Amino acid sequence: MRAPKSLAFAAAAGLLVVGCSNEEPSGSPAPSTSTSTPSATPTPTPTPSATPSTPKPAGPQTRTAAELKKALMALADLPPGFSIESDQAAEGGDITASSKNAACAKLVALTNADTPPGSKASAIESYSGGQEGPFIDEQIDAMGTPQAVAALQNSFRSAIRSCKTLTLRVPNEGSSTVQVREVSPPQAGTTPVAVRFTATSGPLEGLELTMVTTGVADVVIALTVMGFPEDVAGATETAVTKAKKTLKTTNSGT
């Protein structure tokens, strides 16, 4: 959930989600028309069914950084023309967020942190769709349990709603005022949250980024996208699908 270091983002567009329909057979059995005398044979007493046991909550899931790295999107998951940004693209220092408004303190902390609070392991990758983009930054953090993921998502949503503007400092360039606005997230993963950052002044003026965070079982995926709405939706669906398949989750939602 950090501010992008290199503004190197990639996006995957044009992906569709196809649902399956499980329809029940139509029609009801015809009622019996028999008029025979009821049998005198006593009705057997049904055997009491066993009371189903309540499943015990699963313990914290342990993930490694290497495991999370494999769950990140690969070039094979993206349309042709994308490339992975090298670490050299991030040289020159981080973009940092700040605000004089106390209500923005939580969002500033989340934006500047390398990993979110409670993260047990983390992996990140940056992609570029060419000089003109689109671009994406993907980060996966292991939180241990789905409950911890939900708590983080609620905290992030609250932080977004409490803050209207931030200042982003670009190393060797200066500072930009950025508007903060919650937007509708793509419906992929669990408890998805989305925020749009729009720079209105300074070296980043005109730049617009959308960040989406969503849960996949015990991990949270954060995607920062510079591109069209369909790029945001496509990248989110691709990232969630890849994480589910790689991490073999079964209760992450869609």
C-alpha atoms as a PDB file:
ATOM      1  CA  MET A   1       0.000   0.000   0.000  1.00  0.00           C
ATOM      2  CA  ARG A   2       2.897   2.332  -0.620  1.00  0.00           C
ATOM      3  CA  ALA A   3       3.264   5.169  -3.076  1.00  0.00           C
ATOM      4  CA  PRO A   4       4.835   3.843  -6.289  1.00  0.00           C
ATOM      5  CA  LYS A   5       8.607   4.212  -6.445  1.00  0.00           C
ATOM      6  CA  SER A   6       8.998   4.419 -10.194  1.00  0.00           C
ATOM      7  CA  LEU A   7       5.480   5.142 -11.477  1.00  0.00           C
ATOM      8  CA  ALA A   8       5.924   1.858 -13.344  1.00  0.00           C
ATOM      9  CA  PHE A   9       2.520   0.236 -13.608  1.00  0.00           C
ATOM     10  CA  ALA A  10       1.074  -2.244 -16.047  1.00  0.00           C
ATOM     11  CA  ALA A  11      -2.503  -3.342 -16.681  1.00  0.00           C
ATOM     12  CA  ALA A  12      -4.339  -6.273 -18.204  1.00  0.00           C
ATOM     13  CA  ALA A  13      -7.498  -5.387 -20.106  1.00  0.00           C
ATOM     14  CA  GLY A  14     -10.300  -7.172 -21.891  1.00  0.00           C
ATOM     15  CA  LEU A  15     -10.757  -9.991 -19.376  1.00  0.00           C
ATOM     16  CA  LEU A  16     -14.252 -11.351 -18.824  1.00  0.00           C
ATOM     17  CA  VAL A  17     -15.779 -13.192 -15.892  1.00  0.00           C
ATOM     18  CA  VAL A  18     -18.257 -15.858 -16.964  1.00  0.00           C
ATOM     19  CA  GLY A  19     -20.645 -17.192 -14.339  1.00  0.00           C
ATOM     20  CA  CYS A  20     -22.214 -20.647 -14.300  1.00  0.00           C
ATOM     21  CA  SER A  21     -25.914 -21.304 -13.781  1.00  0.00           C
ATOM     22  CA  ASN A  22     -27.024 -24.160 -11.549  1.00  0.00           C
ATOM     23  CA  GLU A  23     -30.763 -24.387 -12.163  1.00  0.00           C
ATOM     24  CA  GLU A  24     -33.013 -26.734 -10.250  1.00  0.00           C
ATOM     25  CA  PRO A  25     -35.229 -29.041 -12.370  1.00  0.00           C
ATOM     26  CA  SER A  26     -38.606 -27.433 -13.046  1.00  0.00           C
ATOM     27  CA  GLY A  27     -41.964 -28.974 -12.206  1.00  0.00           C
ATOM     28  CA  SER A  28     -43.280 -30.870  -9.170  1.00  0.00           C
ATOM     29  CA  PRO A  29     -44.215 -34.567  -8.815  1.00  0.00           C
ATOM     30  CA  ALA A  30     -47.886 -35.236  -9.639  1.00  0.00           C
ATOM     31  CA  PRO A  31     -50.018 -35.948  -6.568  1.00  0.00           C
ATOM     32  CA  SER A  32     -51.149 -39.531  -6.100  1.00  0.00           C
ATOM     33  CA  THR A  33     -54.711 -40.392  -7.181  1.00  0.00           C
ATOM     34  CA  SER A  34     -54.846 -43.712  -5.282  1.00  0.00           C
ATOM     35  CA  THR A  35     -57.896 -44.315  -3.034  1.00  0.00           C
ATOM     36  CA  SER A  36     -56.643 -47.500  -1.313  1.00  0.00           C
ATOM     37  CA  THR A  37     -57.109 -47.984   2.423  1.00  0.00           C
ATOM     38  CA  PRO A  38     -54.135 -46.852   4.473  1.00  0.00           C
ATOM     39  CA  SER A  39     -51.891 -49.657   5.714  1.00  0.00           C
ATOM     40  CA  ALA A  40     -52.143 -50.662   9.351  1.00  0.00           C
ATOM     41  CA  THR A  41     -48.433 -51.259   9.576  1.00  0.00           C
ATOM     42  CA  PRO A  42     -46.965 -48.957  12.248  1.00  0.00           C
ATOM     43  CA  THR A  43     -44.783 -46.199  10.917  1.00  0.00           C
ATOM     44  CA  PRO A  44     -41.191 -46.831  11.978  1.00  0.00           C
ATOM     45  CA  THR A  45     -39.676 -44.242  14.280  1.00  0.00           C
ATOM     46  CA  PRO A  46     -37.005 -42.273  12.389  1.00  0.00           C
ATOM     47  CA  THR A  47     -33.494 -42.541  13.710  1.00  0.00           C
ATOM     48  CA  PRO A  48     -32.352 -39.195  15.123  1.00  0.00           C
ATOM     49  CA  SER A  49     -29.796 -37.609  12.863  1.00  0.00           C
ATOM     50  CA  ALA A  50     -26.424 -36.733  14.271  1.00  0.00           C
ATOM     51  CA  THR A  51     -25.972 -33.081  15.174  1.00  0.00           C
ATOM     52  CA  PRO A  52     -23.424 -31.591  12.770  1.00  0.00           C
ATOM     53  CA  SER A  53     -20.319 -30.378  14.510  1.00  0.00           C
ATOM     54  CA  THR A  54     -19.317 -26.755  14.145  1.00  0.00           C
ATOM     55  CA  PRO A  55     -16.052 -26.545  12.199  1.00  0.00           C
ATOM     56  CA  LYS A  56     -13.201 -25.036  14.130  1.00  0.00           C
ATOM     57  CA  PRO A  57     -11.795 -21.814  12.726  1.00  0.00           C
ATOM     58  CA  ALA A  58      -8.648 -22.433  10.732  1.00  0.00           C
ATOM     59  CA  GLY A  59      -5.436 -21.237  12.338  1.00  0.00           C
ATOM     60  CA  PRO A  60      -3.223 -18.547  10.823  1.00  0.00           C
ATOM     61  CA  GLN A  61      -1.886 -19.461   7.393  1.00  0.00           C
ATOM     62  CA  THR A  62       1.876 -19.250   6.994  1.00  0.00           C
ATOM     63  CA  ARG A  63       3.102 -17.848   3.682  1.00  0.00           C
ATOM     64  CA  THR A  64       6.636 -17.167   2.485  1.00  0.00           C
ATOM     65  CA  ALA A  65       7.823 -14.299   0.325  1.00  0.00           C
ATOM     66  CA  ALA A  66       8.839 -16.835  -2.334  1.00  0.00           C
ATOM     67  CA  GLU A  67       5.329 -18.301  -2.351  1.00  0.00           C
ATOM     68  CA  LEU A  68       3.789 -14.853  -2.707  1.00  0.00           C
ATOM     69  CA  LYS A  69       6.227 -13.995  -5.494  1.00  0.00           C
ATOM     70  CA  LYS A  70       4.879 -16.910  -7.529  1.00  0.00           C
ATOM     71  CA  ALA A  71       1.334 -15.625  -6.975  1.00  0.00           C
ATOM     72  CA  LEU A  72       2.105 -12.272  -8.598  1.00  0.00           C
ATOM     73  CA  MET A  73       1.084 -11.750 -12.200  1.00  0.00           C
ATOM     74  CA  ALA A  74       3.637 -12.982 -14.725  1.00  0.00           C
ATOM     75  CA  LEU A  75       4.118 -11.700 -18.252  1.00  0.00           C
ATOM     76  CA  ALA A  76       2.282 -14.798 -19.482  1.00  0.00           C
ATOM     77  CA  ASP A  77      -0.797 -13.561 -17.616  1.00  0.00           C
ATOM     78  CA  LEU A  78      -0.752 -10.197 -19.417  1.00  0.00           C
ATOM     79  CA  PRO A  79      -1.402  -9.222 -23.034  1.00  0.00           C
ATOM     80  CA  PRO A  80       1.603  -9.070 -25.397  1.00  0.00           C
ATOM     81  CA  GLY A  81       3.740  -5.952 -25.170  1.00  0.00           C
ATOM     82  CA  PHE A  82       4.157  -5.759 -21.409  1.00  0.00           C
ATOM     83  CA  SER A  83       7.486  -5.925 -19.623  1.00  0.00           C
ATOM     84  CA  ILE A  84       8.651  -6.190 -16.042  1.00  0.00           C
ATOM     85  CA  GLU A  85      10.284  -3.033 -14.726  1.00  0.00           C
ATOM     86  CA  SER A  86      13.824  -3.504 -13.433  1.00  0.00           C
ATOM     87  CA  ASP A  87      14.872  -2.375  -9.969  1.00  0.00           C
ATOM     88  CA  GLN A  88      16.917   0.340 -11.639  1.00  0.00           C
ATOM     89  CA  ALA A  89      13.691   2.129 -12.553  1.00  0.00           C
ATOM     90  CA  ALA A  90      13.082   2.768  -8.867  1.00  0.00           C
ATOM     91  CA  GLU A  91      16.446   4.390  -8.205  1.00  0.00           C
ATOM     92  CA  GLY A  92      16.411   8.011  -7.123  1.00  0.00           C
ATOM     93  CA  GLY A  93      14.314   7.702  -3.982  1.00  0.00           C
ATOM     94  CA  ASP A  94      10.741   7.088  -2.987  1.00  0.00           C
ATOM     95  CA  ILE A  95       7.708   9.252  -3.611  1.00  0.00           C
ATOM     96  CA  THR A  96       6.430  10.118  -0.133  1.00  0.00           C
ATOM     97  CA  ALA A  97       3.037  11.320   1.060  1.00  0.00           C
ATOM     98  CA  SER A  98       2.338  13.938   3.720  1.00  0.00           C
ATOM     99  CA  SER A  99      -0.506  16.086   5.037  1.00  0.00           C
ATOM    100  CA  LYS A 100      -0.999  18.801   7.638  1.00  0.00           C
ATOM    101  CA  ASN A 101      -4.504  17.488   8.252  1.00  0.00           C
ATOM    102  CA  ALA A 102      -4.615  15.125  11.219  1.00  0.00           C
ATOM    103  CA  ALA A 103      -7.529  13.296   9.603  1.00  0.00           C
ATOM    104  CA  CYS A 104      -5.143  12.133   6.871  1.00  0.00           C
ATOM    105  CA  ALA A 105      -2.587  10.619   9.255  1.00  0.00           C
ATOM    106  CA  LYS A 106      -3.795   7.035   8.771  1.00  0.00           C
ATOM    107  CA  LEU A 107      -3.801   7.281   4.976  1.00  0.00           C
ATOM    108  CA  VAL A 108      -0.351   8.914   4.989  1.00  0.00           C
ATOM    109  CA  ALA A 109       1.002   6.079   7.142  1.00  0.00           C
ATOM    110  CA  LEU A 110      -0.520   3.387   4.920  1.00  0.00           C
ATOM    111  CA  THR A 111       0.712   5.087   1.744  1.00  0.00           C
ATOM    112  CA  ASN A 112       4.291   5.510   2.953  1.00  0.00           C
ATOM    113  CA  ALA A 113       4.667   2.055   4.526  1.00  0.00           C
ATOM    114  CA  ASP A 114       6.515  -0.617   2.548  1.00  0.00           C
ATOM    115  CA  THR A 115       4.017  -3.166   3.893  1.00  0.00           C
ATOM    116  CA  PRO A 116       0.643  -2.780   5.632  1.00  0.00           C
ATOM    117  CA  PRO A 117       0.306  -3.249   9.405  1.00  0.00           C
ATOM    118  CA  GLY A 118       0.242  -6.934  10.321  1.00  0.00           C
ATOM    119  CA  SER A 119       1.889  -8.187   7.126  1.00  0.00           C
ATOM    120  CA  LYS A 120       3.757 -11.473   7.675  1.00  0.00           C
ATOM    121  CA  ALA A 121       5.389 -11.667   4.240  1.00  0.00           C
ATOM    122  CA  SER A 122       5.291  -9.569   1.092  1.00  0.00           C
ATOM    123  CA  ALA A 123       6.076  -9.613  -2.630  1.00  0.00           C
ATOM    124  CA  ILE A 124       5.889  -6.846  -5.227  1.00  0.00           C
ATOM    125  CA  GLU A 125       6.317  -6.450  -8.977  1.00  0.00           C
ATOM    126  CA  SER A 126       6.017  -3.556 -11.421  1.00  0.00           C
ATOM    127  CA  TYR A 127       5.026  -3.812 -15.069  1.00  0.00           C
ATOM    128  CA  SER A 128       4.956  -1.446 -18.038  1.00  0.00           C
ATOM    129  CA  GLY A 129       2.833  -1.581 -21.162  1.00  0.00           C
ATOM    130  CA  GLY A 130       5.275   0.642 -23.039  1.00  0.00           C
ATOM    131  CA  GLN A 131       6.253   4.293 -22.958  1.00  0.00           C
ATOM    132  CA  GLU A 132       2.610   5.371 -23.044  1.00  0.00           C
ATOM    133  CA  GLY A 133       1.474   2.741 -20.547  1.00  0.00           C
ATOM    134  CA  PRO A 134      -0.718   1.455 -19.130  1.00  0.00           C
ATOM    135  CA  PHE A 135       1.253   0.712 -15.967  1.00  0.00           C
ATOM    136  CA  ILE A 136       0.636  -1.373 -12.861  1.00  0.00           C
ATOM    137  CA  ASP A 137       2.286  -2.017  -9.526  1.00  0.00           C
ATOM    138  CA  GLU A 138       1.148  -5.225  -7.766  1.00  0.00           C
ATOM    139  CA  GLN A 139       1.857  -6.123  -4.154  1.00  0.00           C
ATOM    140  CA  ILE A 140       0.688  -9.192  -2.211  1.00  0.00           C
ATOM    141  CA  ASP A 141       0.881  -9.331   1.583  1.00  0.00           C
ATOM    142  CA  ALA A 142       0.196 -12.345   3.774  1.00  0.00           C
ATOM    143  CA  MET A 143      -1.964 -11.336   6.735  1.00  0.00           C
ATOM    144  CA  GLY A 144      -2.371 -14.757   8.362  1.00  0.00           C
ATOM    145  CA  THR A 145      -6.170 -14.988   8.372  1.00  0.00           C
ATOM    146  CA  PRO A 146      -9.149 -13.737   6.340  1.00  0.00           C
ATOM    147  CA  GLN A 147     -10.244 -11.835   9.442  1.00  0.00           C
ATOM    148  CA  ALA A 148      -6.985  -9.870   9.447  1.00  0.00           C
ATOM    149  CA  VAL A 149      -7.500  -9.093   5.750  1.00  0.00           C
ATOM    150  CA  ALA A 150     -11.030  -7.805   6.425  1.00  0.00           C
ATOM    151  CA  ALA A 151      -9.781  -5.640   9.298  1.00  0.00           C
ATOM    152  CA  LEU A 152      -7.081  -4.107   7.097  1.00  0.00           C
ATOM    153  CA  GLN A 153      -9.595  -3.410   4.331  1.00  0.00           C
ATOM    154  CA  ASN A 154     -11.942  -1.684   6.772  1.00  0.00           C
ATOM    155  CA  SER A 155      -9.050   0.411   8.082  1.00  0.00           C
ATOM    156  CA  PHE A 156      -7.998   1.411   4.553  1.00  0.00           C
ATOM    157  CA  ARG A 157     -11.561   2.351   3.590  1.00  0.00           C
ATOM    158  CA  SER A 158     -11.898   4.467   6.737  1.00  0.00           C
ATOM    159  CA  ALA A 159      -8.579   6.199   6.009  1.00  0.00           C
ATOM    160  CA  ILE A 160      -9.686   7.070   2.472  1.00  0.00           C
ATOM    161  CA  ARG A 161     -12.998   8.511   3.607  1.00  0.00           C
ATOM    162  CA  SER A 162     -11.292  10.675   6.231  1.00  0.00           C
ATOM    163  CA  CYS A 163      -8.880  12.386   3.824  1.00  0.00           C
ATOM    164  CA  LYS A 164      -9.569  14.657   0.847  1.00  0.00           C
ATOM    165  CA  THR A 165      -6.083  15.787  -0.217  1.00  0.00           C
ATOM    166  CA  LEU A 166      -2.464  14.712   0.211  1.00  0.00           C
ATOM    167  CA  THR A 167       0.905  16.141  -0.772  1.00  0.00           C
ATOM    168  CA  LEU A 168       3.239  13.853  -2.714  1.00  0.00           C
ATOM    169  CA  ARG A 169       6.918  14.733  -2.729  1.00  0.00           C
ATOM    170  CA  VAL A 170       8.875  13.638  -5.801  1.00  0.00           C
ATOM    171  CA  PRO A 171      12.659  13.365  -5.206  1.00  0.00           C
ATOM    172  CA  ASN A 172      14.609  16.061  -7.076  1.00  0.00           C
ATOM    173  CA  GLU A 173      11.369  17.393  -8.604  1.00  0.00           C
ATOM    174  CA  GLY A 174       9.211  18.985  -5.915  1.00  0.00           C
ATOM    175  CA  SER A 175       5.768  18.417  -4.437  1.00  0.00           C
ATOM    176  CA  SER A 176       2.304  17.917  -5.880  1.00  0.00           C
ATOM    177  CA  THR A 177      -1.132  18.334  -4.326  1.00  0.00           C
ATOM    178  CA  VAL A 178      -3.221  15.223  -4.846  1.00  0.00           C
ATOM    179  CA  GLN A 179      -6.977  14.833  -4.499  1.00  0.00           C
ATOM    180  CA  VAL A 180      -8.199  11.651  -2.794  1.00  0.00           C
ATOM    181  CA  ARG A 181     -11.518  10.108  -3.816  1.00  0.00           C
ATOM    182  CA  GLU A 182     -13.059   6.731  -3.044  1.00  0.00           C
ATOM    183  CA  VAL A 183     -14.379   5.025  -6.190  1.00  0.00           C
ATOM    184  CA  SER A 184     -16.283   1.827  -6.920  1.00  0.00           C
ATOM    185  CA  PRO A 185     -13.838  -1.107  -6.942  1.00  0.00           C
ATOM    186  CA  PRO A 186     -13.861  -4.023  -9.378  1.00  0.00           C
ATOM    187  CA  GLN A 187     -15.851  -6.873  -7.857  1.00  0.00           C
ATOM    188  CA  ALA A 188     -13.021  -9.370  -7.547  1.00  0.00           C
ATOM    189  CA  GLY A 189     -11.749 -10.914  -4.344  1.00  0.00           C
ATOM    190  CA  THR A 190     -13.308 -10.099  -0.971  1.00  0.00           C
ATOM    191  CA  THR A 191     -14.109  -6.685   0.541  1.00  0.00           C
ATOM    192  CA  PRO A 192     -12.490  -4.759  -2.354  1.00  0.00           C
ATOM    193  CA  VAL A 193     -11.640  -1.082  -1.817  1.00  0.00           C
ATOM    194  CA  ALA A 194     -10.587   1.461  -4.451  1.00  0.00           C
ATOM    195  CA  VAL A 195      -9.257   5.015  -4.310  1.00  0.00           C
ATOM    196  CA  ARG A 196      -8.325   7.466  -7.062  1.00  0.00           C
ATOM    197  CA  PHE A 197      -5.425   9.893  -6.637  1.00  0.00           C
ATOM    198  CA  THR A 198      -5.479  12.917  -8.975  1.00  0.00           C
ATOM    199  CA  ALA A 199      -2.538  15.345  -8.979  1.00  0.00           C
ATOM    200  CA  THR A 200      -3.710  18.948  -9.385  1.00  0.00           C
ATOM    201  CA  SER A 201      -0.378  20.796  -9.171  1.00  0.00           C
ATOM    202  CA  GLY A 202       3.397  20.388  -9.225  1.00  0.00           C
ATOM    203  CA  PRO A 203       5.508  17.904 -11.196  1.00  0.00           C
ATOM    204  CA  LEU A 204       2.775  15.250 -11.155  1.00  0.00           C
ATOM    205  CA  GLU A 205      -0.016  17.591 -12.306  1.00  0.00           C
ATOM    206  CA  GLY A 206      -2.515  15.744 -14.480  1.00  0.00           C
ATOM    207  CA  LEU A 207      -1.407  12.305 -13.281  1.00  0.00           C
ATOM    208  CA  GLU A 208      -4.235  10.031 -12.165  1.00  0.00           C
ATOM    209  CA  LEU A 209      -3.721   6.725 -10.376  1.00  0.00           C
ATOM    210  CA  THR A 210      -6.236   4.193  -9.117  1.00  0.00           C
ATOM    211  CA  MET A 211      -5.367   1.887  -6.239  1.00  0.00           C
ATOM    212  CA  VAL A 212      -7.415  -1.243  -5.606  1.00  0.00           C
ATOM    213  CA  THR A 213      -6.956  -3.495  -2.599  1.00  0.00           C
ATOM    214  CA  THR A 214      -8.838  -6.755  -2.220  1.00  0.00           C
ATOM    215  CA  GLY A 215      -8.641  -9.962  -0.236  1.00  0.00           C
ATOM    216  CA  VAL A 216      -7.935 -13.492  -1.377  1.00  0.00           C
ATOM    217  CA  ALA A 217      -8.399 -15.696   1.676  1.00  0.00           C
ATOM    218  CA  ASP A 218      -5.506 -14.782   4.027  1.00  0.00           C
ATOM    219  CA  VAL A 219      -3.666 -12.410   1.658  1.00  0.00           C
ATOM    220  CA  VAL A 220      -4.378  -8.884   0.469  1.00  0.00           C
ATOM    221  CA  ILE A 221      -3.593  -7.742  -3.065  1.00  0.00           C
ATOM    222  CA  ALA A 222      -2.831  -4.070  -3.764  1.00  0.00           C
ATOM    223  CA  LEU A 223      -2.813  -2.853  -7.368  1.00  0.00           C
ATOM    224  CA  THR A 224      -1.875   0.685  -8.367  1.00  0.00           C
ATOM    225  CA  VAL A 225      -2.881   1.348 -11.954  1.00  0.00           C
ATOM    226  CA  MET A 226      -2.305   4.237 -14.338  1.00  0.00           C
ATOM    227  CA  GLY A 227      -4.657   3.566 -17.220  1.00  0.00           C
ATOM    228  CA  PHE A 228      -8.292   3.359 -18.258  1.00  0.00           C
ATOM    229  CA  PRO A 229     -11.090   1.904 -16.076  1.00  0.00           C
ATOM    230  CA  GLU A 230     -11.020  -1.304 -18.101  1.00  0.00           C
ATOM    231  CA  ASP A 231      -7.307  -1.590 -17.318  1.00  0.00           C
ATOM    232  CA  VAL A 232      -8.063  -1.375 -13.601  1.00  0.00           C
ATOM    233  CA  ALA A 233     -10.830  -3.982 -13.824  1.00  0.00           C
ATOM    234  CA  GLY A 234      -8.804  -6.329 -16.006  1.00  0.00           C
ATOM    235  CA  ALA A 235      -5.694  -6.153 -13.850  1.00  0.00           C
ATOM    236  CA  THR A 236      -7.685  -6.762 -10.676  1.00  0.00           C
ATOM    237  CA  GLU A 237      -9.456  -9.824 -12.065  1.00  0.00           C
ATOM    238  CA  THR A 238      -6.197 -11.209 -13.450  1.00  0.00           C
ATOM    239  CA  ALA A 239      -4.351 -10.705 -10.163  1.00  0.00           C
ATOM    240  CA  VAL A 240      -7.122 -12.296  -8.095  1.00  0.00           C
ATOM    241  CA  THR A 241      -7.425 -15.282 -10.438  1.00  0.00           C
ATOM    242  CA  LYS A 242      -3.649 -15.839 -10.403  1.00  0.00           C
ATOM    243  CA  ALA A 243      -3.450 -15.612  -6.609  1.00  0.00           C
ATOM    244  CA  LYS A 244      -6.347 -18.034  -6.098  1.00  0.00           C
ATOM    245  CA  LYS A 245      -4.812 -20.583  -8.448  1.00  0.00           C
ATOM    246  CA  THR A 246      -1.262 -20.289  -7.142  1.00  0.00           C
ATOM    247  CA  LEU A 247      -2.070 -20.115  -3.434  1.00  0.00           C
ATOM    248  CA  LYS A 248      -4.803 -22.769  -3.788  1.00  0.00           C
ATOM    249  CA  THR A 249      -7.389 -20.796  -1.854  1.00  0.00           C
ATOM    250  CA  THR A 250     -10.980 -21.994  -1.608  1.00  0.00           C
ATOM    251  CA  ASN A 251     -12.815 -19.334   0.395  1.00  0.00           C
ATOM    252  CA  SER A 252     -11.685 -16.037  -1.085  1.00  0.00           C
ATOM    253  CA  GLY A 253     -14.850 -15.026  -2.900  1.00  0.00           C
ATOM    254  CA  THR A 254     -15.098 -13.420  -6.318  1.00  0.00           C
END
